[in-house]
Amino acid sequence: MKVTIERDVRDQAARQLAEQGLTIDETMRMVLEQAAGGGPDFGALVPNATTVEAIEAARRGEVVELGTPAEALTELNRDD
């Protein structure tokens, strides 16, 4: 099955999704995975403010390397 979407609709959707830190491909993957599991949860497509900030920080290159999963857990559980 092939789905045809008008270019302006696709572009507007892409802009809206980008504001939420998502691409069309990522969104469609999530919808299809949800549908395969019993039905889409469209609320899951809207990241919260913390997630949006983390996505934006990563895109700016502001990432923290934590090493192995064990090292990451140690760092995340460290009391400062």
N, C-alpha and C. Protein backbone atom coordinates (compact mmCIF):
# COMPACT_ATOMS: atom_id res chain seq x y z
N MET A 1 0.85 -1.17 0.00
CA MET A 1 0.00 0.00 0.00
C MET A 1 0.89 1.23 0.00
N LYS A 2 0.53 2.19 -0.80
CA LYS A 2 1.25 3.45 -0.87
C LYS A 2 0.31 4.57 -0.44
N VAL A 3 0.82 5.45 0.39
CA VAL A 3 0.04 6.58 0.86
C VAL A 3 0.65 7.85 0.27
N THR A 4 -0.20 8.67 -0.31
CA THR A 4 0.25 9.93 -0.88
C THR A 4 -0.22 11.07 0.02
N ILE A 5 0.71 11.90 0.42
CA ILE A 5 0.41 13.05 1.28
C ILE A 5 0.79 14.31 0.52
N GLU A 6 -0.06 15.31 0.55
CA GLU A 6 0.26 16.57 -0.10
C GLU A 6 1.50 17.17 0.54
N ARG A 7 2.36 17.74 -0.29
CA ARG A 7 3.64 18.27 0.18
C ARG A 7 3.47 19.29 1.30
N ASP A 8 2.50 20.20 1.19
CA ASP A 8 2.33 21.21 2.23
C ASP A 8 1.88 20.60 3.55
N VAL A 9 1.07 19.56 3.48
CA VAL A 9 0.64 18.86 4.70
C VAL A 9 1.85 18.17 5.34
N ARG A 10 2.64 17.47 4.52
CA ARG A 10 3.83 16.79 5.03
C ARG A 10 4.80 17.79 5.65
N ASP A 11 5.03 18.92 4.97
CA ASP A 11 5.97 19.92 5.47
C ASP A 11 5.50 20.53 6.78
N GLN A 12 4.18 20.80 6.87
CA GLN A 12 3.64 21.36 8.12
C GLN A 12 3.76 20.34 9.25
N ALA A 13 3.47 19.09 8.96
CA ALA A 13 3.60 18.04 9.98
C ALA A 13 5.05 17.91 10.41
N ALA A 14 5.97 17.96 9.47
CA ALA A 14 7.39 17.85 9.80
C ALA A 14 7.83 18.99 10.71
N ARG A 15 7.35 20.20 10.45
CA ARG A 15 7.69 21.34 11.31
C ARG A 15 7.13 21.16 12.72
N GLN A 16 5.86 20.74 12.79
CA GLN A 16 5.24 20.55 14.10
C GLN A 16 5.96 19.46 14.90
N LEU A 17 6.28 18.37 14.23
CA LEU A 17 6.98 17.28 14.91
C LEU A 17 8.38 17.70 15.33
N ALA A 18 9.07 18.48 14.49
CA ALA A 18 10.42 18.95 14.82
C ALA A 18 10.41 19.79 16.09
N GLU A 19 9.34 20.56 16.29
CA GLU A 19 9.22 21.35 17.52
C GLU A 19 9.14 20.46 18.75
N GLN A 20 8.72 19.22 18.54
CA GLN A 20 8.63 18.26 19.63
C GLN A 20 9.84 17.33 19.66
N GLY A 21 10.81 17.60 18.80
CA GLY A 21 12.01 16.79 18.78
C GLY A 21 11.86 15.48 18.02
N LEU A 22 10.89 15.42 17.11
CA LEU A 22 10.64 14.18 16.38
C LEU A 22 10.72 14.39 14.87
N THR A 23 10.98 13.32 14.15
CA THR A 23 10.90 13.33 12.70
C THR A 23 9.65 12.56 12.28
N ILE A 24 9.28 12.69 11.01
CA ILE A 24 8.14 11.93 10.51
C ILE A 24 8.44 10.44 10.62
N ASP A 25 9.66 10.03 10.26
CA ASP A 25 10.02 8.61 10.33
C ASP A 25 9.91 8.07 11.76
N GLU A 26 10.43 8.84 12.74
CA GLU A 26 10.35 8.40 14.14
C GLU A 26 8.90 8.28 14.59
N THR A 27 8.08 9.25 14.20
CA THR A 27 6.68 9.25 14.59
C THR A 27 5.95 8.05 14.00
N MET A 28 6.18 7.79 12.72
CA MET A 28 5.51 6.66 12.08
C MET A 28 5.97 5.33 12.69
N ARG A 29 7.24 5.24 13.03
CA ARG A 29 7.73 4.02 13.68
C ARG A 29 7.01 3.81 15.01
N MET A 30 6.85 4.88 15.80
CA MET A 30 6.17 4.75 17.09
C MET A 30 4.71 4.36 16.90
N VAL A 31 4.03 4.97 15.93
CA VAL A 31 2.63 4.64 15.68
C VAL A 31 2.49 3.18 15.28
N LEU A 32 3.36 2.73 14.37
CA LEU A 32 3.29 1.33 13.92
C LEU A 32 3.61 0.35 15.05
N GLU A 33 4.60 0.69 15.88
CA GLU A 33 4.91 -0.19 17.01
C GLU A 33 3.75 -0.25 18.00
N GLN A 34 3.13 0.89 18.24
CA GLN A 34 1.96 0.91 19.14
C GLN A 34 0.82 0.10 18.54
N ALA A 35 0.57 0.27 17.24
CA ALA A 35 -0.51 -0.47 16.59
C ALA A 35 -0.25 -1.97 16.65
N ALA A 36 0.99 -2.37 16.49
CA ALA A 36 1.35 -3.79 16.55
C ALA A 36 1.12 -4.34 17.96
N GLY A 37 1.18 -3.47 18.95
CA GLY A 37 0.99 -3.88 20.33
C GLY A 37 -0.43 -3.73 20.83
N GLY A 38 -1.36 -3.39 19.97
CA GLY A 38 -2.75 -3.31 20.40
C GLY A 38 -3.43 -1.99 20.11
N GLY A 39 -2.68 -0.99 19.73
CA GLY A 39 -3.32 0.27 19.39
C GLY A 39 -2.44 1.45 19.73
N PRO A 40 -2.53 2.51 18.94
CA PRO A 40 -1.67 3.67 19.17
C PRO A 40 -2.08 4.44 20.42
N ASP A 41 -1.09 4.93 21.11
CA ASP A 41 -1.29 5.82 22.25
C ASP A 41 -0.74 7.17 21.81
N PHE A 42 -1.60 8.00 21.25
CA PHE A 42 -1.12 9.24 20.66
C PHE A 42 -0.55 10.19 21.69
N GLY A 43 -0.87 10.02 22.96
CA GLY A 43 -0.24 10.83 23.98
C GLY A 43 1.24 10.57 24.08
N ALA A 44 1.66 9.37 23.69
CA ALA A 44 3.09 9.03 23.73
C ALA A 44 3.88 9.78 22.68
N LEU A 45 3.21 10.39 21.72
CA LEU A 45 3.90 11.12 20.67
C LEU A 45 4.29 12.53 21.10
N VAL A 46 3.86 12.94 22.28
CA VAL A 46 4.15 14.29 22.75
C VAL A 46 5.12 14.21 23.92
N PRO A 47 6.41 14.51 23.66
CA PRO A 47 7.39 14.43 24.75
C PRO A 47 7.16 15.55 25.76
N ASN A 48 7.50 15.27 27.02
CA ASN A 48 7.36 16.31 28.04
C ASN A 48 8.51 17.31 27.93
N ALA A 49 8.45 18.37 28.71
CA ALA A 49 9.43 19.45 28.62
C ALA A 49 10.86 18.97 28.89
N THR A 50 11.03 18.05 29.83
CA THR A 50 12.36 17.52 30.13
C THR A 50 12.94 16.78 28.95
N THR A 51 12.10 15.98 28.29
CA THR A 51 12.55 15.23 27.13
C THR A 51 12.89 16.16 25.98
N VAL A 52 12.06 17.17 25.73
CA VAL A 52 12.32 18.13 24.66
C VAL A 52 13.65 18.83 24.91
N GLU A 53 13.90 19.26 26.13
CA GLU A 53 15.17 19.93 26.46
C GLU A 53 16.35 18.99 26.25
N ALA A 54 16.22 17.73 26.63
CA ALA A 54 17.30 16.78 26.43
C ALA A 54 17.58 16.56 24.94
N ILE A 55 16.54 16.47 24.15
CA ILE A 55 16.71 16.31 22.70
C ILE A 55 17.40 17.54 22.11
N GLU A 56 16.95 18.72 22.52
CA GLU A 56 17.55 19.95 22.00
C GLU A 56 19.01 20.07 22.43
N ALA A 57 19.32 19.72 23.67
CA ALA A 57 20.70 19.77 24.15
C ALA A 57 21.58 18.81 23.36
N ALA A 58 21.08 17.62 23.09
CA ALA A 58 21.84 16.66 22.31
C ALA A 58 22.11 17.17 20.90
N ARG A 59 21.12 17.81 20.32
CA ARG A 59 21.29 18.36 18.97
C ARG A 59 22.29 19.51 18.96
N ARG A 60 22.42 20.22 20.09
CA ARG A 60 23.42 21.29 20.18
C ARG A 60 24.80 20.72 20.49
N GLY A 61 24.87 19.42 20.70
CA GLY A 61 26.15 18.80 21.02
C GLY A 61 26.47 18.79 22.49
N GLU A 62 25.51 19.14 23.32
CA GLU A 62 25.70 19.18 24.77
C GLU A 62 25.36 17.82 25.36
N VAL A 63 26.22 16.87 25.12
CA VAL A 63 25.98 15.51 25.61
C VAL A 63 27.02 15.14 26.64
N VAL A 64 26.67 14.23 27.48
CA VAL A 64 27.57 13.73 28.52
C VAL A 64 27.84 12.27 28.21
N GLU A 65 29.10 11.93 28.10
CA GLU A 65 29.49 10.54 27.88
C GLU A 65 29.57 9.85 29.23
N LEU A 66 28.79 8.79 29.41
CA LEU A 66 28.75 8.10 30.69
C LEU A 66 29.41 6.73 30.65
N GLY A 67 29.92 6.32 29.51
CA GLY A 67 30.62 5.05 29.43
C GLY A 67 29.68 3.87 29.37
N THR A 68 30.02 2.84 30.11
CA THR A 68 29.23 1.61 30.12
C THR A 68 27.92 1.84 30.88
N PRO A 69 26.95 0.95 30.70
CA PRO A 69 25.71 1.11 31.49
C PRO A 69 25.98 1.13 33.00
N ALA A 70 26.89 0.31 33.47
CA ALA A 70 27.21 0.29 34.90
C ALA A 70 27.79 1.63 35.34
N GLU A 71 28.68 2.20 34.52
CA GLU A 71 29.27 3.50 34.85
C GLU A 71 28.21 4.60 34.82
N ALA A 72 27.28 4.50 33.86
CA ALA A 72 26.21 5.48 33.77
C ALA A 72 25.33 5.44 35.02
N LEU A 73 24.97 4.24 35.47
CA LEU A 73 24.14 4.12 36.67
C LEU A 73 24.86 4.65 37.90
N THR A 74 26.15 4.38 37.99
CA THR A 74 26.94 4.90 39.11
C THR A 74 26.92 6.42 39.10
N GLU A 75 27.12 7.01 37.94
CA GLU A 75 27.12 8.47 37.82
C GLU A 75 25.73 9.04 38.12
N LEU A 76 24.70 8.43 37.60
CA LEU A 76 23.36 8.93 37.81
C LEU A 76 22.91 8.81 39.26
N ASN A 77 23.43 7.83 39.98
CA ASN A 77 23.05 7.61 41.37
C ASN A 77 23.98 8.30 42.36
N ARG A 78 24.98 8.99 41.84
CA ARG A 78 25.96 9.67 42.70
C ARG A 78 25.31 10.85 43.39
N ASP A 79 25.56 11.01 44.68
CA ASP A 79 25.07 12.17 45.43
C ASP A 79 26.09 13.30 45.28
N ASP A 80 25.63 14.44 44.80
CA ASP A 80 26.55 15.59 44.64
C ASP A 80 26.55 16.47 45.84
